[in-house]
Each structure stands twice: as structure tokens, then as C-alpha cells.
């Protein structure tokens, strides 16, 4: 693992990007679920990806909280 420093604004931008992608996948899941002939393998992959993004968002949000508690500069 590299010793890379991230600014709060960089982390916030990453979170925003992940949330946008999560919403897009959520819409794809909804669309797939409404279909008469659902493709369960596609649905499963989309749901797995959506969950992965949700977990990643939480990790970055936790990092922001940690940075805030330490009082590190932006």
C-alpha cells in the first residue's frame, strides 16, 4: 500500500463520484427488475457492484471523519 495523502476536497469529490455511479447502477437495477424476463445474472452483478460502491463510499466517509477529528488541514 502506498503512503499517499489525500485532501478533504479530493476525498469529497471521490465520494460524489461514487454516489453518482451508485445512483446509476440503482436505476439499472430498477429497470432490470421491472422487465418481464429478467436476467438474474445481470441483476446479481449489478447488485454486487452497487453494494461494493456503497461500502467504498462508507470507507471514504470514515476517512473524512477521521481527518476531521484529527484537525488536519484541508
N, C-alpha and C. Protein backbone atom coordinates (compact mmCIF):
# COMPACT_ATOMS: atom_id res chain seq x y z
N UNK A 1 0.85 -1.18 0.00
CA UNK A 1 0.00 0.00 0.00
C UNK A 1 0.89 1.23 0.00
N UNK A 2 0.54 2.22 -0.80
CA UNK A 2 1.34 3.43 -0.88
C UNK A 2 0.98 4.40 0.21
N UNK A 3 1.89 5.28 0.52
CA UNK A 3 1.67 6.29 1.54
C UNK A 3 1.25 7.58 0.84
N UNK A 4 0.03 7.61 0.36
CA UNK A 4 -0.50 8.75 -0.38
C UNK A 4 -1.37 9.59 0.52
N UNK A 5 -1.19 10.90 0.43
CA UNK A 5 -2.03 11.81 1.21
C UNK A 5 -3.14 12.34 0.33
N UNK A 6 -4.32 12.38 0.89
CA UNK A 6 -5.48 12.88 0.17
C UNK A 6 -5.99 14.12 0.88
N UNK A 7 -6.41 15.11 0.12
CA UNK A 7 -7.02 16.28 0.73
C UNK A 7 -8.51 16.00 0.94
N UNK A 8 -9.11 16.76 1.81
CA UNK A 8 -10.54 16.59 2.05
C UNK A 8 -11.35 16.81 0.78
N UNK A 9 -10.93 17.79 0.00
CA UNK A 9 -11.67 18.08 -1.24
C UNK A 9 -11.55 16.93 -2.23
N UNK A 10 -10.40 16.29 -2.28
CA UNK A 10 -10.22 15.14 -3.17
C UNK A 10 -11.11 13.98 -2.73
N UNK A 11 -11.16 13.75 -1.42
CA UNK A 11 -11.99 12.67 -0.88
C UNK A 11 -13.46 12.98 -1.12
N UNK A 12 -13.86 14.23 -0.90
CA UNK A 12 -15.26 14.62 -1.12
C UNK A 12 -15.65 14.45 -2.58
N UNK A 13 -14.74 14.79 -3.48
CA UNK A 13 -15.01 14.63 -4.91
C UNK A 13 -15.15 13.14 -5.26
N UNK A 14 -14.33 12.31 -4.66
CA UNK A 14 -14.41 10.87 -4.90
C UNK A 14 -15.74 10.31 -4.40
N UNK A 15 -16.16 10.77 -3.23
CA UNK A 15 -17.45 10.33 -2.67
C UNK A 15 -18.59 10.73 -3.61
N UNK A 16 -18.54 11.96 -4.10
CA UNK A 16 -19.59 12.43 -5.02
C UNK A 16 -19.63 11.58 -6.29
N UNK A 17 -18.46 11.24 -6.79
CA UNK A 17 -18.38 10.40 -7.99
C UNK A 17 -18.94 9.01 -7.72
N UNK A 18 -18.61 8.45 -6.58
CA UNK A 18 -19.11 7.12 -6.22
C UNK A 18 -20.62 7.13 -6.03
N UNK A 19 -21.14 8.19 -5.42
CA UNK A 19 -22.59 8.29 -5.23
C UNK A 19 -23.32 8.38 -6.57
N UNK A 20 -22.74 9.13 -7.50
CA UNK A 20 -23.34 9.24 -8.83
C UNK A 20 -23.39 7.87 -9.50
N UNK A 21 -22.28 7.15 -9.43
CA UNK A 21 -22.23 5.82 -10.03
C UNK A 21 -23.20 4.87 -9.33
N UNK A 22 -23.32 4.98 -8.01
CA UNK A 22 -24.24 4.14 -7.24
C UNK A 22 -25.68 4.40 -7.70
N UNK A 23 -26.04 5.67 -7.88
CA UNK A 23 -27.39 6.01 -8.36
C UNK A 23 -27.65 5.43 -9.75
N UNK A 24 -26.65 5.52 -10.61
CA UNK A 24 -26.80 4.98 -11.97
C UNK A 24 -27.06 3.47 -11.92
N UNK A 25 -26.30 2.78 -11.12
CA UNK A 25 -26.47 1.33 -11.01
C UNK A 25 -27.81 1.02 -10.37
N UNK A 26 -28.22 1.82 -9.39
CA UNK A 26 -29.52 1.63 -8.75
C UNK A 26 -30.64 1.75 -9.78
N UNK A 27 -30.51 2.69 -10.69
CA UNK A 27 -31.51 2.84 -11.76
C UNK A 27 -31.50 1.64 -12.69
N UNK A 28 -30.31 1.12 -12.98
CA UNK A 28 -30.21 -0.07 -13.83
C UNK A 28 -30.86 -1.27 -13.16
N UNK A 29 -30.66 -1.40 -11.85
CA UNK A 29 -31.28 -2.49 -11.10
C UNK A 29 -32.80 -2.36 -11.18
N UNK A 30 -33.30 -1.17 -10.95
CA UNK A 30 -34.75 -0.95 -11.01
C UNK A 30 -35.31 -1.29 -12.39
N UNK A 31 -34.61 -0.86 -13.42
CA UNK A 31 -35.04 -1.14 -14.79
C UNK A 31 -35.06 -2.64 -15.05
N UNK A 32 -34.01 -3.31 -14.61
CA UNK A 32 -33.93 -4.76 -14.83
C UNK A 32 -35.03 -5.50 -14.06
N UNK A 33 -35.33 -5.03 -12.86
CA UNK A 33 -36.36 -5.68 -12.05
C UNK A 33 -37.76 -5.50 -12.64
N UNK A 34 -37.96 -4.43 -13.39
CA UNK A 34 -39.27 -4.17 -13.99
C UNK A 34 -39.50 -4.98 -15.27
N UNK A 35 -38.44 -5.51 -15.82
CA UNK A 35 -38.58 -6.28 -17.06
C UNK A 35 -39.36 -7.56 -16.81
N UNK A 36 -40.10 -7.96 -17.79
CA UNK A 36 -40.87 -9.19 -17.71
C UNK A 36 -39.94 -10.40 -17.62
N UNK A 37 -38.93 -10.41 -18.48
CA UNK A 37 -37.95 -11.51 -18.49
C UNK A 37 -36.64 -10.98 -17.95
N UNK A 38 -36.49 -11.05 -16.65
CA UNK A 38 -35.27 -10.56 -16.01
C UNK A 38 -34.12 -11.50 -16.27
N UNK A 39 -32.95 -10.92 -16.39
CA UNK A 39 -31.73 -11.71 -16.48
C UNK A 39 -31.12 -11.72 -15.08
N UNK A 40 -31.29 -12.82 -14.39
CA UNK A 40 -30.86 -12.88 -12.99
C UNK A 40 -29.36 -12.72 -12.83
N UNK A 41 -28.58 -13.15 -13.81
CA UNK A 41 -27.13 -12.99 -13.69
C UNK A 41 -26.73 -11.52 -13.79
N UNK A 42 -27.38 -10.78 -14.67
CA UNK A 42 -27.10 -9.34 -14.79
C UNK A 42 -27.54 -8.63 -13.51
N UNK A 43 -28.70 -8.98 -13.03
CA UNK A 43 -29.22 -8.38 -11.81
C UNK A 43 -28.29 -8.64 -10.63
N UNK A 44 -27.79 -9.85 -10.54
CA UNK A 44 -26.87 -10.21 -9.47
C UNK A 44 -25.58 -9.40 -9.54
N UNK A 45 -25.03 -9.25 -10.74
CA UNK A 45 -23.80 -8.48 -10.93
C UNK A 45 -24.01 -7.01 -10.58
N UNK A 46 -25.14 -6.46 -11.00
CA UNK A 46 -25.44 -5.06 -10.71
C UNK A 46 -25.58 -4.83 -9.21
N UNK A 47 -26.28 -5.73 -8.54
CA UNK A 47 -26.47 -5.59 -7.10
C UNK A 47 -25.14 -5.72 -6.35
N UNK A 48 -24.30 -6.62 -6.80
CA UNK A 48 -22.99 -6.80 -6.17
C UNK A 48 -22.14 -5.54 -6.35
N UNK A 49 -22.18 -4.97 -7.55
CA UNK A 49 -21.41 -3.74 -7.83
C UNK A 49 -21.95 -2.58 -6.99
N UNK A 50 -23.26 -2.50 -6.89
CA UNK A 50 -23.89 -1.44 -6.09
C UNK A 50 -23.48 -1.54 -4.62
N UNK A 51 -23.45 -2.74 -4.09
CA UNK A 51 -23.04 -2.96 -2.71
C UNK A 51 -21.56 -2.60 -2.52
N UNK A 52 -20.72 -2.97 -3.48
CA UNK A 52 -19.31 -2.62 -3.42
C UNK A 52 -19.14 -1.10 -3.36
N UNK A 53 -19.88 -0.38 -4.19
CA UNK A 53 -19.79 1.08 -4.20
C UNK A 53 -20.26 1.67 -2.87
N UNK A 54 -21.32 1.11 -2.32
CA UNK A 54 -21.82 1.58 -1.03
C UNK A 54 -20.76 1.41 0.05
N UNK A 55 -20.09 0.27 0.05
CA UNK A 55 -19.02 0.02 1.02
C UNK A 55 -17.86 1.00 0.82
N UNK A 56 -17.52 1.26 -0.42
CA UNK A 56 -16.42 2.19 -0.70
C UNK A 56 -16.78 3.61 -0.26
N UNK A 57 -18.02 4.00 -0.48
CA UNK A 57 -18.48 5.32 -0.02
C UNK A 57 -18.33 5.42 1.49
N UNK A 58 -18.73 4.39 2.19
CA UNK A 58 -18.62 4.40 3.66
C UNK A 58 -17.17 4.49 4.12
N UNK A 59 -16.27 3.81 3.42
CA UNK A 59 -14.85 3.88 3.78
C UNK A 59 -14.33 5.31 3.64
N UNK A 60 -14.67 5.95 2.53
CA UNK A 60 -14.21 7.32 2.31
C UNK A 60 -14.86 8.29 3.30
N UNK A 61 -16.12 8.08 3.61
CA UNK A 61 -16.78 8.93 4.61
C UNK A 61 -16.10 8.76 5.97
N UNK A 62 -15.72 7.55 6.30
CA UNK A 62 -14.99 7.30 7.54
C UNK A 62 -13.65 7.99 7.55
N UNK A 63 -13.00 8.02 6.41
CA UNK A 63 -11.72 8.71 6.30
C UNK A 63 -11.90 10.21 6.53
N UNK A 64 -12.97 10.77 5.98
CA UNK A 64 -13.25 12.20 6.21
C UNK A 64 -13.49 12.49 7.69
N UNK A 65 -14.23 11.61 8.35
CA UNK A 65 -14.50 11.78 9.78
C UNK A 65 -13.18 11.74 10.56
N UNK A 66 -12.34 10.79 10.21
CA UNK A 66 -11.04 10.66 10.88
C UNK A 66 -10.21 11.92 10.69
N UNK A 67 -10.17 12.44 9.47
CA UNK A 67 -9.41 13.66 9.20
C UNK A 67 -9.98 14.83 9.99
N UNK A 68 -11.28 14.91 10.10
CA UNK A 68 -11.92 16.00 10.84
C UNK A 68 -11.59 15.92 12.33
N UNK A 69 -11.60 14.71 12.87
CA UNK A 69 -11.30 14.54 14.28
C UNK A 69 -9.85 14.88 14.62
N UNK A 70 -8.97 14.62 13.70
CA UNK A 70 -7.57 14.92 13.92
C UNK A 70 -7.24 16.38 13.70
N UNK A 71 -8.20 17.09 13.10
CA UNK A 71 -8.00 18.52 12.87
C UNK A 71 -6.93 18.82 11.84
N UNK A 72 -6.76 17.91 10.89
CA UNK A 72 -5.77 18.12 9.86
C UNK A 72 -6.26 19.16 8.87
N UNK A 73 -5.33 19.93 8.31
CA UNK A 73 -5.73 20.96 7.33
C UNK A 73 -6.28 20.35 6.07
N UNK A 74 -7.09 21.12 5.36
CA UNK A 74 -7.67 20.68 4.08
C UNK A 74 -6.60 20.53 3.12
